PDB file of N, CA and C in Angstrom:
ATOM      1  N   MET A   1    -180.205 -24.538 -79.816  1.00  0.00           N
ATOM      2  CA  MET A   1    -181.526 -24.884 -79.349  1.00  0.00           C
ATOM      3  C   MET A   1    -181.722 -24.256 -77.962  1.00  0.00           C
ATOM      4  N   ALA A   2    -182.684 -23.395 -77.847  1.00  0.00           N
ATOM      5  CA  ALA A   2    -183.010 -22.782 -76.562  1.00  0.00           C
ATOM      6  C   ALA A   2    -183.983 -23.689 -75.814  1.00  0.00           C
ATOM      7  N   LEU A   3    -183.743 -23.845 -74.536  1.00  0.00           N
ATOM      8  CA  LEU A   3    -184.612 -24.678 -73.710  1.00  0.00           C
ATOM      9  C   LEU A   3    -185.441 -23.789 -72.787  1.00  0.00           C
ATOM     10  N   ASN A   4    -186.700 -24.134 -72.628  1.00  0.00           N
ATOM     11  CA  ASN A   4    -187.503 -23.430 -71.639  1.00  0.00           C
ATOM     12  C   ASN A   4    -187.470 -24.237 -70.342  1.00  0.00           C
ATOM     13  N   LYS A   5    -188.133 -23.724 -69.307  1.00  0.00           N
ATOM     14  CA  LYS A   5    -188.067 -24.360 -67.994  1.00  0.00           C
ATOM     15  C   LYS A   5    -188.602 -25.793 -68.021  1.00  0.00           C
ATOM     16  N   ILE A   6    -189.678 -26.027 -68.750  1.00  0.00           N
ATOM     17  CA  ILE A   6    -190.253 -27.375 -68.828  1.00  0.00           C
ATOM     18  C   ILE A   6    -189.255 -28.349 -69.451  1.00  0.00           C
ATOM     19  N   ASP A   7    -188.552 -27.922 -70.497  1.00  0.00           N
ATOM     20  CA  ASP A   7    -187.546 -28.765 -71.136  1.00  0.00           C
ATOM     21  C   ASP A   7    -186.400 -29.080 -70.178  1.00  0.00           C
ATOM     22  N   ILE A   8    -185.949 -28.070 -69.445  1.00  0.00           N
ATOM     23  CA  ILE A   8    -184.845 -28.261 -68.504  1.00  0.00           C
ATOM     24  C   ILE A   8    -185.254 -29.232 -67.400  1.00  0.00           C
ATOM     25  N   VAL A   9    -186.453 -29.056 -66.867  1.00  0.00           N
ATOM     26  CA  VAL A   9    -186.950 -29.957 -65.821  1.00  0.00           C
ATOM     27  C   VAL A   9    -186.996 -31.392 -66.344  1.00  0.00           C
ATOM     28  N   GLY A  10    -187.469 -31.580 -67.564  1.00  0.00           N
ATOM     29  CA  GLY A  10    -187.526 -32.916 -68.158  1.00  0.00           C
ATOM     30  C   GLY A  10    -186.151 -33.543 -68.297  1.00  0.00           C
ATOM     31  N   LYS A  11    -185.165 -32.757 -68.730  1.00  0.00           N
ATOM     32  CA  LYS A  11    -183.801 -33.285 -68.889  1.00  0.00           C
ATOM     33  C   LYS A  11    -183.171 -33.616 -67.535  1.00  0.00           C
ATOM     34  N   ILE A  12    -183.382 -32.737 -66.539  1.00  0.00           N
ATOM     35  CA  ILE A  12    -182.852 -33.015 -65.200  1.00  0.00           C
ATOM     36  C   ILE A  12    -183.489 -34.291 -64.643  1.00  0.00           C
ATOM     37  N   ALA A  13    -184.793 -34.447 -64.828  1.00  0.00           N
ATOM     38  CA  ALA A  13    -185.496 -35.634 -64.334  1.00  0.00           C
ATOM     39  C   ALA A  13    -184.947 -36.906 -64.973  1.00  0.00           C
ATOM     40  N   SER A  14    -184.753 -36.891 -66.281  1.00  0.00           N
ATOM     41  CA  SER A  14    -184.283 -38.103 -66.954  1.00  0.00           C
ATOM     42  C   SER A  14    -182.820 -38.403 -66.640  1.00  0.00           C
ATOM     43  N   LYS A  15    -181.960 -37.395 -66.592  1.00  0.00           N
ATOM     44  CA  LYS A  15    -180.545 -37.632 -66.310  1.00  0.00           C
ATOM     45  C   LYS A  15    -180.290 -37.952 -64.846  1.00  0.00           C
ATOM     46  N   GLY A  16    -181.116 -37.399 -63.958  1.00  0.00           N
ATOM     47  CA  GLY A  16    -180.901 -37.605 -62.530  1.00  0.00           C
ATOM     48  C   GLY A  16    -181.735 -38.704 -61.923  1.00  0.00           C
ATOM     49  N   GLY A  17    -182.591 -39.337 -62.735  1.00  0.00           N
ATOM     50  CA  GLY A  17    -183.447 -40.387 -62.211  1.00  0.00           C
ATOM     51  C   GLY A  17    -184.445 -39.848 -61.191  1.00  0.00           C
ATOM     52  N   LEU A  18    -184.925 -38.644 -61.420  1.00  0.00           N
ATOM     53  CA  LEU A  18    -185.861 -37.995 -60.505  1.00  0.00           C
ATOM     54  C   LEU A  18    -187.231 -37.891 -61.142  1.00  0.00           C
ATOM     55  N   SER A  19    -188.225 -37.655 -60.312  1.00  0.00           N
ATOM     56  CA  SER A  19    -189.539 -37.329 -60.861  1.00  0.00           C
ATOM     57  C   SER A  19    -189.471 -35.895 -61.365  1.00  0.00           C
ATOM     58  N   LYS A  20    -190.398 -35.537 -62.236  1.00  0.00           N
ATOM     59  CA  LYS A  20    -190.410 -34.168 -62.737  1.00  0.00           C
ATOM     60  C   LYS A  20    -190.666 -33.170 -61.612  1.00  0.00           C
ATOM     61  N   ALA A  21    -191.471 -33.546 -60.625  1.00  0.00           N
ATOM     62  CA  ALA A  21    -191.737 -32.653 -59.488  1.00  0.00           C
ATOM     63  C   ALA A  21    -190.459 -32.407 -58.689  1.00  0.00           C
ATOM     64  N   ASP A  22    -189.670 -33.476 -58.450  1.00  0.00           N
ATOM     65  CA  ASP A  22    -188.414 -33.331 -57.720  1.00  0.00           C
ATOM     66  C   ASP A  22    -187.406 -32.520 -58.532  1.00  0.00           C
ATOM     67  N   ALA A  23    -187.364 -32.751 -59.839  1.00  0.00           N
ATOM     68  CA  ALA A  23    -186.456 -32.009 -60.700  1.00  0.00           C
ATOM     69  C   ALA A  23    -186.821 -30.524 -60.712  1.00  0.00           C
ATOM     70  N   GLU A  24    -188.117 -30.223 -60.729  1.00  0.00           N
ATOM     71  CA  GLU A  24    -188.544 -28.825 -60.710  1.00  0.00           C
ATOM     72  C   GLU A  24    -188.178 -28.176 -59.379  1.00  0.00           C
ATOM     73  N   CYS A  25    -188.325 -28.909 -58.286  1.00  0.00           N
ATOM     74  CA  CYS A  25    -187.919 -28.398 -56.968  1.00  0.00           C
ATOM     75  C   CYS A  25    -186.421 -28.087 -56.960  1.00  0.00           C
ATOM     76  N   ALA A  26    -185.623 -28.991 -57.513  1.00  0.00           N
ATOM     77  CA  ALA A  26    -184.175 -28.794 -57.557  1.00  0.00           C
ATOM     78  C   ALA A  26    -183.820 -27.576 -58.405  1.00  0.00           C
ATOM     79  N   LEU A  27    -184.448 -27.432 -59.555  1.00  0.00           N
ATOM     80  CA  LEU A  27    -184.180 -26.286 -60.418  1.00  0.00           C
ATOM     81  C   LEU A  27    -184.585 -24.985 -59.732  1.00  0.00           C
ATOM     82  N   ASN A  28    -185.754 -24.971 -59.104  1.00  0.00           N
ATOM     83  CA  ASN A  28    -186.209 -23.776 -58.389  1.00  0.00           C
ATOM     84  C   ASN A  28    -185.263 -23.415 -57.246  1.00  0.00           C
ATOM     85  N   ALA A  29    -184.761 -24.420 -56.538  1.00  0.00           N
ATOM     86  CA  ALA A  29    -183.815 -24.175 -55.449  1.00  0.00           C
ATOM     87  C   ALA A  29    -182.518 -23.586 -55.991  1.00  0.00           C
ATOM     88  N   PHE A  30    -182.027 -24.121 -57.117  1.00  0.00           N
ATOM     89  CA  PHE A  30    -180.809 -23.585 -57.726  1.00  0.00           C
ATOM     90  C   PHE A  30    -181.009 -22.128 -58.122  1.00  0.00           C
ATOM     91  N   VAL A  31    -182.120 -21.821 -58.758  1.00  0.00           N
ATOM     92  CA  VAL A  31    -182.396 -20.447 -59.185  1.00  0.00           C
ATOM     93  C   VAL A  31    -182.460 -19.523 -57.971  1.00  0.00           C
ATOM     94  N   ASP A  32    -183.094 -19.962 -56.890  1.00  0.00           N
ATOM     95  CA  ASP A  32    -183.168 -19.160 -55.670  1.00  0.00           C
ATOM     96  C   ASP A  32    -181.783 -18.888 -55.101  1.00  0.00           C
ATOM     97  N   VAL A  33    -180.949 -19.924 -55.018  1.00  0.00           N
ATOM     98  CA  VAL A  33    -179.589 -19.768 -54.494  1.00  0.00           C
ATOM     99  C   VAL A  33    -178.796 -18.807 -55.379  1.00  0.00           C
ATOM    100  N   PHE A  34    -178.912 -18.956 -56.685  1.00  0.00           N
ATOM    101  CA  PHE A  34    -178.220 -18.092 -57.638  1.00  0.00           C
ATOM    102  C   PHE A  34    -178.628 -16.637 -57.445  1.00  0.00           C
ATOM    103  N   LEU A  35    -179.930 -16.369 -57.426  1.00  0.00           N
ATOM    104  CA  LEU A  35    -180.424 -14.997 -57.301  1.00  0.00           C
ATOM    105  C   LEU A  35    -180.052 -14.374 -55.960  1.00  0.00           C
ATOM    106  N   GLU A  36    -180.173 -15.146 -54.879  1.00  0.00           N
ATOM    107  CA  GLU A  36    -179.816 -14.636 -53.559  1.00  0.00           C
ATOM    108  C   GLU A  36    -178.331 -14.285 -53.478  1.00  0.00           C
ATOM    109  N   ALA A  37    -177.480 -15.141 -54.020  1.00  0.00           N
ATOM    110  CA  ALA A  37    -176.038 -14.898 -53.971  1.00  0.00           C
ATOM    111  C   ALA A  37    -175.657 -13.668 -54.785  1.00  0.00           C
ATOM    112  N   VAL A  38    -176.226 -13.525 -55.966  1.00  0.00           N
ATOM    113  CA  VAL A  38    -175.898 -12.366 -56.802  1.00  0.00           C
ATOM    114  C   VAL A  38    -176.396 -11.084 -56.133  1.00  0.00           C
ATOM    115  N   ALA A  39    -177.603 -11.123 -55.559  1.00  0.00           N
ATOM    116  CA  ALA A  39    -178.150  -9.937 -54.902  1.00  0.00           C
ATOM    117  C   ALA A  39    -177.360  -9.584 -53.638  1.00  0.00           C
ATOM    118  N   ARG A  40    -176.959 -10.592 -52.859  1.00  0.00           N
ATOM    119  CA  ARG A  40    -176.277 -10.354 -51.585  1.00  0.00           C
ATOM    120  C   ARG A  40    -174.786 -10.074 -51.776  1.00  0.00           C
ATOM    121  N   ASP A  41    -174.097 -10.939 -52.532  1.00  0.00           N
ATOM    122  CA  ASP A  41    -172.645 -10.874 -52.633  1.00  0.00           C
ATOM    123  C   ASP A  41    -172.142 -10.195 -53.901  1.00  0.00           C
ATOM    124  N   GLY A  42    -173.016 -10.033 -54.875  1.00  0.00           N
ATOM    125  CA  GLY A  42    -172.596  -9.420 -56.130  1.00  0.00           C
ATOM    126  C   GLY A  42    -171.943 -10.394 -57.092  1.00  0.00           C
ATOM    127  N   GLU A  43    -171.892 -11.674 -56.727  1.00  0.00           N
ATOM    128  CA  GLU A  43    -171.329 -12.663 -57.648  1.00  0.00           C
ATOM    129  C   GLU A  43    -171.768 -14.068 -57.283  1.00  0.00           C
ATOM    130  N   PHE A  44    -171.683 -14.948 -58.266  1.00  0.00           N
ATOM    131  CA  PHE A  44    -171.999 -16.366 -58.095  1.00  0.00           C
ATOM    132  C   PHE A  44    -171.283 -17.098 -59.207  1.00  0.00           C
ATOM    133  N   GLY A  45    -170.741 -18.254 -58.905  1.00  0.00           N
ATOM    134  CA  GLY A  45    -170.074 -19.011 -59.950  1.00  0.00           C
ATOM    135  C   GLY A  45    -170.056 -20.495 -59.661  1.00  0.00           C
ATOM    136  N   ILE A  46    -169.899 -21.241 -60.714  1.00  0.00           N
ATOM    137  CA  ILE A  46    -169.661 -22.673 -60.631  1.00  0.00           C
ATOM    138  C   ILE A  46    -168.334 -22.889 -61.345  1.00  0.00           C
ATOM    139  N   THR A  47    -167.337 -23.316 -60.596  1.00  0.00           N
ATOM    140  CA  THR A  47    -165.984 -23.440 -61.127  1.00  0.00           C
ATOM    141  C   THR A  47    -165.982 -24.235 -62.428  1.00  0.00           C
ATOM    142  N   GLY A  48    -165.377 -23.649 -63.448  1.00  0.00           N
ATOM    143  CA  GLY A  48    -165.260 -24.286 -64.746  1.00  0.00           C
ATOM    144  C   GLY A  48    -166.435 -24.026 -65.673  1.00  0.00           C
ATOM    145  N   ILE A  49    -167.588 -23.647 -65.125  1.00  0.00           N
ATOM    146  CA  ILE A  49    -168.777 -23.445 -65.955  1.00  0.00           C
ATOM    147  C   ILE A  49    -168.995 -21.964 -66.241  1.00  0.00           C
ATOM    148  N   PHE A  50    -169.228 -21.174 -65.196  1.00  0.00           N
ATOM    149  CA  PHE A  50    -169.430 -19.743 -65.399  1.00  0.00           C
ATOM    150  C   PHE A  50    -169.246 -18.984 -64.090  1.00  0.00           C
ATOM    151  N   LYS A  51    -169.114 -17.660 -64.231  1.00  0.00           N
ATOM    152  CA  LYS A  51    -169.089 -16.763 -63.091  1.00  0.00           C
ATOM    153  C   LYS A  51    -169.946 -15.563 -63.465  1.00  0.00           C
ATOM    154  N   ALA A  52    -170.908 -15.240 -62.617  1.00  0.00           N
ATOM    155  CA  ALA A  52    -171.768 -14.080 -62.827  1.00  0.00           C
ATOM    156  C   ALA A  52    -171.390 -13.026 -61.799  1.00  0.00           C
ATOM    157  N   GLN A  53    -171.192 -11.794 -62.246  1.00  0.00           N
ATOM    158  CA  GLN A  53    -170.833 -10.695 -61.358  1.00  0.00           C
ATOM    159  C   GLN A  53    -171.680  -9.478 -61.674  1.00  0.00           C
ATOM    160  N   VAL A  54    -172.019  -8.732 -60.611  1.00  0.00           N
ATOM    161  CA  VAL A  54    -172.725  -7.465 -60.784  1.00  0.00           C
ATOM    162  C   VAL A  54    -171.669  -6.388 -61.002  1.00  0.00           C
ATOM    163  N   LYS A  55    -171.828  -5.623 -62.052  1.00  0.00           N
ATOM    164  CA  LYS A  55    -170.905  -4.531 -62.379  1.00  0.00           C
ATOM    165  C   LYS A  55    -171.681  -3.227 -62.435  1.00  0.00           C
ATOM    166  N   ASP A  56    -171.048  -2.157 -61.985  1.00  0.00           N
ATOM    167  CA  ASP A  56    -171.659  -0.837 -62.098  1.00  0.00           C
ATOM    168  C   ASP A  56    -171.494  -0.335 -63.528  1.00  0.00           C
ATOM    169  N   THR A  57    -172.527   0.308 -64.037  1.00  0.00           N
ATOM    170  CA  THR A  57    -172.448   0.927 -65.358  1.00  0.00           C
ATOM    171  C   THR A  57    -172.475   2.438 -65.186  1.00  0.00           C
ATOM    172  N   ALA A  58    -171.706   3.122 -65.971  1.00  0.00           N
ATOM    173  CA  ALA A  58    -171.615   4.573 -65.884  1.00  0.00           C
ATOM    174  C   ALA A  58    -172.790   5.230 -66.612  1.00  0.00           C
ATOM    175  N   ALA A  59    -173.108   6.439 -66.190  1.00  0.00           N
ATOM    176  CA  ALA A  59    -174.115   7.216 -66.912  1.00  0.00           C
ATOM    177  C   ALA A  59    -173.550   7.538 -68.292  1.00  0.00           C
ATOM    178  N   ARG A  60    -174.415   7.593 -69.276  1.00  0.00           N
ATOM    179  CA  ARG A  60    -173.949   7.866 -70.634  1.00  0.00           C
ATOM    180  C   ARG A  60    -175.051   8.510 -71.452  1.00  0.00           C
ATOM    181  N   THR A  61    -174.659   8.971 -72.605  1.00  0.00           N
ATOM    182  CA  THR A  61    -175.618   9.525 -73.549  1.00  0.00           C
ATOM    183  C   THR A  61    -175.771   8.534 -74.690  1.00  0.00           C
ATOM    184  N   ALA A  62    -177.017   8.217 -75.037  1.00  0.00           N
ATOM    185  CA  ALA A  62    -177.303   7.290 -76.131  1.00  0.00           C
ATOM    186  C   ALA A  62    -178.182   8.004 -77.145  1.00  0.00           C
ATOM    187  N   LYS A  63    -178.491   7.306 -78.223  1.00  0.00           N
ATOM    188  CA  LYS A  63    -179.338   7.878 -79.265  1.00  0.00           C
ATOM    189  C   LYS A  63    -180.634   7.106 -79.372  1.00  0.00           C
ATOM    190  N   ASN A  64    -181.749   7.832 -79.458  1.00  0.00           N
ATOM    191  CA  ASN A  64    -183.037   7.196 -79.713  1.00  0.00           C
ATOM    192  C   ASN A  64    -182.994   6.669 -81.145  1.00  0.00           C
ATOM    193  N   PRO A  65    -183.168   5.364 -81.370  1.00  0.00           N
ATOM    194  CA  PRO A  65    -183.031   4.813 -82.715  1.00  0.00           C
ATOM    195  C   PRO A  65    -184.099   5.312 -83.701  1.00  0.00           C
ATOM    196  N   ARG A  66    -185.240   5.708 -83.202  1.00  0.00           N
ATOM    197  CA  ARG A  66    -186.296   6.202 -84.108  1.00  0.00           C
ATOM    198  C   ARG A  66    -186.072   7.633 -84.547  1.00  0.00           C
ATOM    199  N   THR A  67    -185.692   8.475 -83.577  1.00  0.00           N
ATOM    200  CA  THR A  67    -185.592   9.899 -83.887  1.00  0.00           C
ATOM    201  C   THR A  67    -184.163  10.384 -84.043  1.00  0.00           C
ATOM    202  N   GLY A  68    -183.206   9.635 -83.535  1.00  0.00           N
ATOM    203  CA  GLY A  68    -181.816  10.065 -83.576  1.00  0.00           C
ATOM    204  C   GLY A  68    -181.506  11.070 -82.476  1.00  0.00           C
ATOM    205  N   GLU A  69    -182.495  11.376 -81.656  1.00  0.00           N
ATOM    206  CA  GLU A  69    -182.345  12.352 -80.586  1.00  0.00           C
ATOM    207  C   GLU A  69    -181.510  11.766 -79.451  1.00  0.00           C
ATOM    208  N   PRO A  70    -180.560  12.547 -78.910  1.00  0.00           N
ATOM    209  CA  PRO A  70    -179.771  12.032 -77.782  1.00  0.00           C
ATOM    210  C   PRO A  70    -180.621  11.942 -76.507  1.00  0.00           C
ATOM    211  N   ILE A  71    -180.389  10.866 -75.742  1.00  0.00           N
ATOM    212  CA  ILE A  71    -181.080  10.680 -74.473  1.00  0.00           C
ATOM    213  C   ILE A  71    -180.055  10.312 -73.405  1.00  0.00           C
ATOM    214  N   SER A  72    -180.356  10.655 -72.163  1.00  0.00           N
ATOM    215  CA  SER A  72    -179.458  10.338 -71.053  1.00  0.00           C
ATOM    216  C   SER A  72    -179.841   8.987 -70.463  1.00  0.00           C
ATOM    217  N   VAL A  73    -178.846   8.150 -70.271  1.00  0.00           N
ATOM    218  CA  VAL A  73    -179.047   6.851 -69.630  1.00  0.00           C
ATOM    219  C   VAL A  73    -178.351   6.942 -68.273  1.00  0.00           C
ATOM    220  N   PRO A  74    -179.095   6.784 -67.179  1.00  0.00           N
ATOM    221  CA  PRO A  74    -178.483   6.931 -65.855  1.00  0.00           C
ATOM    222  C   PRO A  74    -177.542   5.766 -65.519  1.00  0.00           C
ATOM    223  N   ALA A  75    -176.684   6.011 -64.539  1.00  0.00           N
ATOM    224  CA  ALA A  75    -175.801   4.956 -64.051  1.00  0.00           C
ATOM    225  C   ALA A  75    -176.666   3.855 -63.440  1.00  0.00           C
ATOM    226  N   GLY A  76    -176.156   2.646 -63.446  1.00  0.00           N
ATOM    227  CA  GLY A  76    -176.936   1.528 -62.907  1.00  0.00           C
ATOM    228  C   GLY A  76    -176.052   0.329 -62.662  1.00  0.00           C
ATOM    229  N   LYS A  77    -176.663  -0.819 -62.637  1.00  0.00           N
ATOM    230  CA  LYS A  77    -175.945  -2.076 -62.424  1.00  0.00           C
ATOM    231  C   LYS A  77    -176.352  -3.058 -63.520  1.00  0.00           C
ATOM    232  N   ALA A  78    -175.417  -3.922 -63.892  1.00  0.00           N
ATOM    233  CA  ALA A  78    -175.680  -4.954 -64.888  1.00  0.00           C
ATOM    234  C   ALA A  78    -174.983  -6.232 -64.444  1.00  0.00           C
ATOM    235  N   VAL A  79    -175.509  -7.359 -64.858  1.00  0.00           N
ATOM    236  CA  VAL A  79    -174.888  -8.644 -64.547  1.00  0.00           C
ATOM    237  C   VAL A  79    -174.071  -9.079 -65.754  1.00  0.00           C
ATOM    238  N   ARG A  80    -172.826  -9.388 -65.512  1.00  0.00           N
ATOM    239  CA  ARG A  80    -171.929  -9.893 -66.550  1.00  0.00           C
ATOM    240  C   ARG A  80    -171.668 -11.360 -66.258  1.00  0.00           C
ATOM    241  N   ILE A  81    -171.732 -12.188 -67.286  1.00  0.00           N
ATOM    242  CA  ILE A  81    -171.480 -13.618 -67.117  1.00  0.00           C
ATOM    243  C   ILE A  81    -170.273 -13.999 -67.961  1.00  0.00           C
ATOM    244  N   LYS A  82    -169.303 -14.611 -67.302  1.00  0.00           N
ATOM    245  CA  LYS A  82    -168.066 -15.023 -67.961  1.00  0.00           C
ATOM    246  C   LYS A  82    -168.008 -16.543 -67.995  1.00  0.00           C
ATOM    247  N   ALA A  83    -167.756 -17.101 -69.156  1.00  0.00           N
ATOM    248  CA  ALA A  83    -167.686 -18.561 -69.318  1.00  0.00           C
ATOM    249  C   ALA A  83    -166.414 -19.108 -68.686  1.00  0.00           C
ATOM    250  N   GLY A  84    -166.535 -20.289 -68.067  1.00  0.00           N
ATOM    251  CA  GLY A  84    -165.390 -20.982 -67.500  1.00  0.00           C
ATOM    252  C   GLY A  84    -164.755 -21.901 -68.530  1.00  0.00           C
ATOM    253  N   ASN A  85    -163.626 -22.486 -68.179  1.00  0.00           N
ATOM    254  CA  ASN A  85    -162.874 -23.318 -69.133  1.00  0.00           C
ATOM    255  C   ASN A  85    -163.650 -24.553 -69.589  1.00  0.00           C
ATOM    256  N   THR A  86    -164.393 -25.193 -68.704  1.00  0.00           N
ATOM    257  CA  THR A  86    -165.155 -26.381 -69.079  1.00  0.00           C
ATOM    258  C   THR A  86    -166.195 -26.017 -70.129  1.00  0.00           C
ATOM    259  N   LEU A  87    -166.876 -24.900 -69.930  1.00  0.00           N
ATOM    260  CA  LEU A  87    -167.863 -24.433 -70.896  1.00  0.00           C
ATOM    261  C   LEU A  87    -167.213 -24.049 -72.212  1.00  0.00           C
ATOM    262  N   LYS A  88    -166.098 -23.354 -72.148  1.00  0.00           N
ATOM    263  CA  LYS A  88    -165.379 -22.946 -73.368  1.00  0.00           C
ATOM    264  C   LYS A  88    -164.960 -24.182 -74.178  1.00  0.00           C
ATOM    265  N   THR A  89    -164.458 -25.199 -73.484  1.00  0.00           N
ATOM    266  CA  THR A  89    -164.033 -26.425 -74.155  1.00  0.00           C
ATOM    267  C   THR A  89    -165.226 -27.153 -74.788  1.00  0.00           C
ATOM    268  N   ALA A  90    -166.363 -27.142 -74.114  1.00  0.00           N
ATOM    269  CA  ALA A  90    -167.546 -27.846 -74.619  1.00  0.00           C
ATOM    270  C   ALA A  90    -168.077 -27.251 -75.906  1.00  0.00           C
ATOM    271  N   VAL A  91    -167.883 -25.972 -76.132  1.00  0.00           N
ATOM    272  CA  VAL A  91    -168.432 -25.339 -77.323  1.00  0.00           C
ATOM    273  C   VAL A  91    -167.425 -25.203 -78.458  1.00  0.00           C
ATOM    274  N   LYS A  92    -166.205 -25.675 -78.265  1.00  0.00           N
ATOM    275  CA  LYS A  92    -165.197 -25.600 -79.341  1.00  0.00           C
ATOM    276  C   LYS A  92    -165.487 -26.608 -80.417  1.00  0.00           C
TER     277      LYS A  92
END
């Protein structure tokens, strides 16, 4: 089940005993901290839950799926997210 932002805010409000406005503020603050840390430090993690890291990607040649024609994909950056042990255990 995928949750959208409204669903997440509702769950945080009910589990935390907060108003929906306070829960939305908390979620927005978390997202801001997450994005700032990844942009500044190249990584962010919550022990046991996940670790997000920025990794460099190499330039490569790919294929256009419609035409089969080769195209060049420039080097860039991608975010990799690795699950922590608590998360791994929860989904077993």
